[in-house]
C-alpha atoms as a PDB file:
ATOM      1  CA  MET A   1     -17.565 -39.848 -44.151  1.00  0.00           C
ATOM      2  CA  VAL A   2     -18.464 -36.537 -46.092  1.00  0.00           C
ATOM      3  CA  LEU A   3     -14.822 -35.899 -47.429  1.00  0.00           C
ATOM      4  CA  GLU A   4     -14.750 -39.723 -48.448  1.00  0.00           C
ATOM      5  CA  GLU A   5     -18.641 -39.801 -49.642  1.00  0.00           C
ATOM      6  CA  GLU A   6     -17.809 -36.759 -51.835  1.00  0.00           C
ATOM      7  CA  LYS A   7     -16.220 -38.709 -54.435  1.00  0.00           C
ATOM      8  CA  ASN A   8     -19.551 -40.367 -55.298  1.00  0.00           C
ATOM      9  CA  HIS A   9     -22.065 -37.100 -55.282  1.00  0.00           C
ATOM     10  CA  PRO A  10     -21.263 -34.228 -57.912  1.00  0.00           C
ATOM     11  CA  SER A  11     -20.379 -31.648 -55.466  1.00  0.00           C
ATOM     12  CA  ARG A  12     -19.659 -31.964 -51.908  1.00  0.00           C
ATOM     13  CA  TRP A  13     -23.241 -29.897 -50.600  1.00  0.00           C
ATOM     14  CA  SER A  14     -25.339 -33.114 -52.711  1.00  0.00           C
ATOM     15  CA  ALA A  15     -23.111 -35.142 -50.200  1.00  0.00           C
ATOM     16  CA  VAL A  16     -23.868 -33.008 -47.052  1.00  0.00           C
ATOM     17  CA  MET A  17     -27.672 -33.415 -48.055  1.00  0.00           C
ATOM     18  CA  MET A  18     -27.604 -36.808 -48.610  1.00  0.00           C
ATOM     19  CA  ILE A  19     -25.960 -37.807 -45.045  1.00  0.00           C
ATOM     20  CA  ALA A  20     -27.070 -34.578 -43.042  1.00  0.00           C
ATOM     21  CA  PRO A  21     -30.371 -37.011 -42.580  1.00  0.00           C
ATOM     22  CA  MET A  22     -28.638 -40.282 -41.718  1.00  0.00           C
ATOM     23  CA  LEU A  23     -27.046 -38.382 -38.732  1.00  0.00           C
ATOM     24  CA  ASP A  24     -30.178 -36.189 -37.908  1.00  0.00           C
ATOM     25  CA  ILE A  25     -28.525 -32.886 -38.338  1.00  0.00           C
ATOM     26  CA  HIS A  26     -28.673 -30.526 -40.368  1.00  0.00           C
ATOM     27  CA  PRO A  27     -27.241 -30.086 -43.572  1.00  0.00           C
ATOM     28  CA  ASP A  28     -25.711 -26.255 -42.862  1.00  0.00           C
ATOM     29  CA  THR A  29     -23.911 -27.953 -39.786  1.00  0.00           C
ATOM     30  CA  LEU A  30     -22.582 -30.893 -40.870  1.00  0.00           C
ATOM     31  CA  SER A  31     -20.785 -28.687 -43.974  1.00  0.00           C
ATOM     32  CA  GLN A  32     -18.936 -26.402 -41.138  1.00  0.00           C
ATOM     33  CA  TRP A  33     -17.952 -29.420 -39.587  1.00  0.00           C
ATOM     34  CA  THR A  34     -16.627 -30.553 -42.680  1.00  0.00           C
ATOM     35  CA  ARG A  35     -14.834 -27.341 -43.628  1.00  0.00           C
ATOM     36  CA  LEU A  36     -13.479 -26.946 -40.086  1.00  0.00           C
ATOM     37  CA  ASN A  37     -12.157 -30.568 -40.581  1.00  0.00           C
ATOM     38  CA  GLU A  38     -10.567 -29.756 -43.669  1.00  0.00           C
ATOM     39  CA  ARG A  39      -8.704 -26.145 -42.056  1.00  0.00           C
ATOM     40  CA  ALA A  40      -8.121 -28.463 -38.686  1.00  0.00           C
ATOM     41  CA  ASN A  41      -5.917 -31.264 -41.044  1.00  0.00           C
ATOM     42  CA  ALA A  42      -4.593 -29.032 -43.695  1.00  0.00           C
ATOM     43  CA  PRO A  43      -1.140 -28.829 -44.254  1.00  0.00           C
ATOM     44  CA  ALA A  44       0.892 -25.555 -42.990  1.00  0.00           C
ATOM     45  CA  VAL A  45       1.013 -22.858 -46.322  1.00  0.00           C
ATOM     46  CA  SER A  46       4.856 -23.530 -45.984  1.00  0.00           C
ATOM     47  CA  GLU A  47       4.158 -27.216 -46.842  1.00  0.00           C
ATOM     48  CA  LEU A  48       2.876 -26.441 -49.455  1.00  0.00           C
ATOM     49  CA  PRO A  49       3.508 -25.936 -53.920  1.00  0.00           C
ATOM     50  CA  GLU A  50       3.703 -22.361 -54.914  1.00  0.00           C
ATOM     51  CA  ARG A  51       0.619 -22.968 -56.886  1.00  0.00           C
ATOM     52  CA  GLU A  52      -1.174 -24.862 -54.300  1.00  0.00           C
ATOM     53  CA  LYS A  53      -0.519 -21.623 -52.056  1.00  0.00           C
ATOM     54  CA  ILE A  54      -2.026 -19.343 -54.448  1.00  0.00           C
ATOM     55  CA  ARG A  55      -4.969 -21.240 -54.729  1.00  0.00           C
ATOM     56  CA  GLN A  56      -5.371 -21.139 -50.731  1.00  0.00           C
ATOM     57  CA  LEU A  57      -4.741 -17.512 -50.327  1.00  0.00           C
ATOM     58  CA  GLU A  58      -6.560 -16.489 -52.707  1.00  0.00           C
ATOM     59  CA  ARG A  59      -9.617 -18.578 -51.718  1.00  0.00           C
ATOM     60  CA  GLU A  60      -8.703 -16.975 -47.930  1.00  0.00           C
ATOM     61  CA  ASN A  61      -8.692 -13.529 -49.359  1.00  0.00           C
ATOM     62  CA  ARG A  62     -11.861 -13.736 -51.454  1.00  0.00           C
ATOM     63  CA  GLU A  63     -13.864 -15.218 -48.091  1.00  0.00           C
ATOM     64  CA  LEU A  64     -11.870 -12.355 -46.113  1.00  0.00           C
ATOM     65  CA  ARG A  65     -13.702  -9.921 -49.053  1.00  0.00           C
ATOM     66  CA  GLN A  66     -16.995 -11.556 -48.740  1.00  0.00           C
ATOM     67  CA  ALA A  67     -17.443 -11.094 -44.650  1.00  0.00           C
ATOM     68  CA  ASN A  68     -16.146  -7.716 -45.142  1.00  0.00           C
ATOM     69  CA  GLU A  69     -18.696  -6.896 -47.654  1.00  0.00           C
ATOM     70  CA  ILE A  70     -21.514  -8.111 -44.657  1.00  0.00           C
ATOM     71  CA  LEU A  71     -19.702  -6.361 -42.238  1.00  0.00           C
ATOM     72  CA  ARG A  72     -19.826  -3.326 -44.648  1.00  0.00           C
ATOM     73  CA  LYS A  73     -23.869  -3.723 -45.397  1.00  0.00           C
ATOM     74  CA  ALA A  74     -24.447  -4.723 -42.334  1.00  0.00           C
ATOM     75  CA  SER A  75     -22.631  -1.615 -41.015  1.00  0.00           C
ATOM     76  CA  ALA A  76     -25.486   0.175 -43.389  1.00  0.00           C
ATOM     77  CA  TYR A  77     -28.364  -1.460 -42.572  1.00  0.00           C
ATOM     78  CA  PHE A  78     -27.877  -0.397 -39.075  1.00  0.00           C
ATOM     79  CA  ALA A  79     -26.555   3.443 -39.452  1.00  0.00           C
ATOM     80  CA  GLU A  80     -29.889   3.755 -41.382  1.00  0.00           C
ATOM     81  CA  GLY A  81     -31.882   2.305 -38.678  1.00  0.00           C
ATOM     82  CA  GLU A  82     -30.444   4.770 -36.514  1.00  0.00           C
ATOM     83  CA  LEU A  83     -31.091   8.077 -38.406  1.00  0.00           C
ATOM     84  CA  ASP A  84     -35.069   6.255 -38.700  1.00  0.00           C
ATOM     85  CA  ARG A  85     -35.237   6.465 -35.626  1.00  0.00           C
ATOM     86  CA  LEU A  86     -33.560  10.031 -34.586  1.00  0.00           C
ATOM     87  CA  CYS A  87     -35.082  11.755 -37.824  1.00  0.00           C
ATOM     88  CA  GLY A  88     -38.240   9.433 -38.615  1.00  0.00           C
ATOM     89  CA  ARG A  89     -38.764   8.431 -42.313  1.00  0.00           C
ATOM     90  CA  PRO A  90     -38.444   9.929 -44.602  1.00  0.00           C
ATOM     91  CA  PHE A  91     -35.833  12.122 -42.629  1.00  0.00           C
ATOM     92  CA  LYS A  92     -37.201  15.451 -40.943  1.00  0.00           C
ATOM     93  CA  ARG A  93     -34.870  18.021 -42.523  1.00  0.00           C
ATOM     94  CA  ASN A  94     -35.047  20.741 -40.344  1.00  0.00           C
ATOM     95  CA  ALA A  95     -34.631  18.939 -37.053  1.00  0.00           C
ATOM     96  CA  SER A  96     -30.742  19.695 -35.863  1.00  0.00           C
ATOM     97  CA  HIS A  97     -29.537  16.239 -35.760  1.00  0.00           C
ATOM     98  CA  CYS A  98     -30.702  14.916 -39.109  1.00  0.00           C
ATOM     99  CA  SER A  99     -28.463  17.913 -40.571  1.00  0.00           C
ATOM    100  CA  SER A 100     -26.833  16.995 -43.770  1.00  0.00           C
ATOM    101  CA  GLY A 101     -23.876  16.421 -41.999  1.00  0.00           C
ATOM    102  CA  ALA A 102     -25.016  14.057 -39.073  1.00  0.00           C
ATOM    103  CA  ILE A 103     -26.441  12.005 -42.691  1.00  0.00           C
ATOM    104  CA  SER A 104     -23.017  12.101 -44.142  1.00  0.00           C
ATOM    105  CA  LYS A 105     -21.208  11.287 -41.020  1.00  0.00           C
ATOM    106  CA  THR A 106     -22.856   8.137 -40.305  1.00  0.00           C
ATOM    107  CA  TYR A 107     -23.155   7.112 -43.743  1.00  0.00           C
ATOM    108  CA  TYR A 108     -20.077   7.507 -45.476  1.00  0.00           C
ATOM    109  CA  SER A 109     -18.261   5.796 -42.637  1.00  0.00           C
ATOM    110  CA  THR A 110     -19.906   3.123 -43.929  1.00  0.00           C
ATOM    111  CA  GLY A 111     -19.423   3.604 -47.718  1.00  0.00           C
ATOM    112  CA  TRP A 112     -23.144   3.128 -48.535  1.00  0.00           C
ATOM    113  CA  MET A 113     -23.979   6.527 -49.937  1.00  0.00           C
ATOM    114  CA  THR A 114     -21.446   8.850 -51.931  1.00  0.00           C
ATOM    115  CA  ASN A 115     -22.033  12.686 -51.775  1.00  0.00           C
ATOM    116  CA  THR A 116     -24.549  12.491 -54.663  1.00  0.00           C
ATOM    117  CA  ASP A 117     -26.871  10.426 -52.287  1.00  0.00           C
ATOM    118  CA  LEU A 118     -27.823  13.580 -50.123  1.00  0.00           C
ATOM    119  CA  MET A 119     -28.253  16.066 -52.697  1.00  0.00           C
END
């Protein structure tokens, strides 16, 4: 329904926003279902022409990069929370478990901080 109606709208999201209230569901849910349906019915990569293969792989690469960025930020957020829990806020440098080494292991593993951030 969304894919058919999309032709009459400037974007897929505007079609989703129009159809979702008719079905009494949240627009995000309808959008996700539409994407899942598209992926399930998408032709195999080997059946696509070269240019389309590249587009599909670039889109997948972009989605994976976004997911990795979200995971990296979440990891840094939870690492900061763990340091806050252990060391208090602001960090108490005199606590043995809050030494630069302990802090750096946590932050550097997430890629959130650099060596110069602790100085």
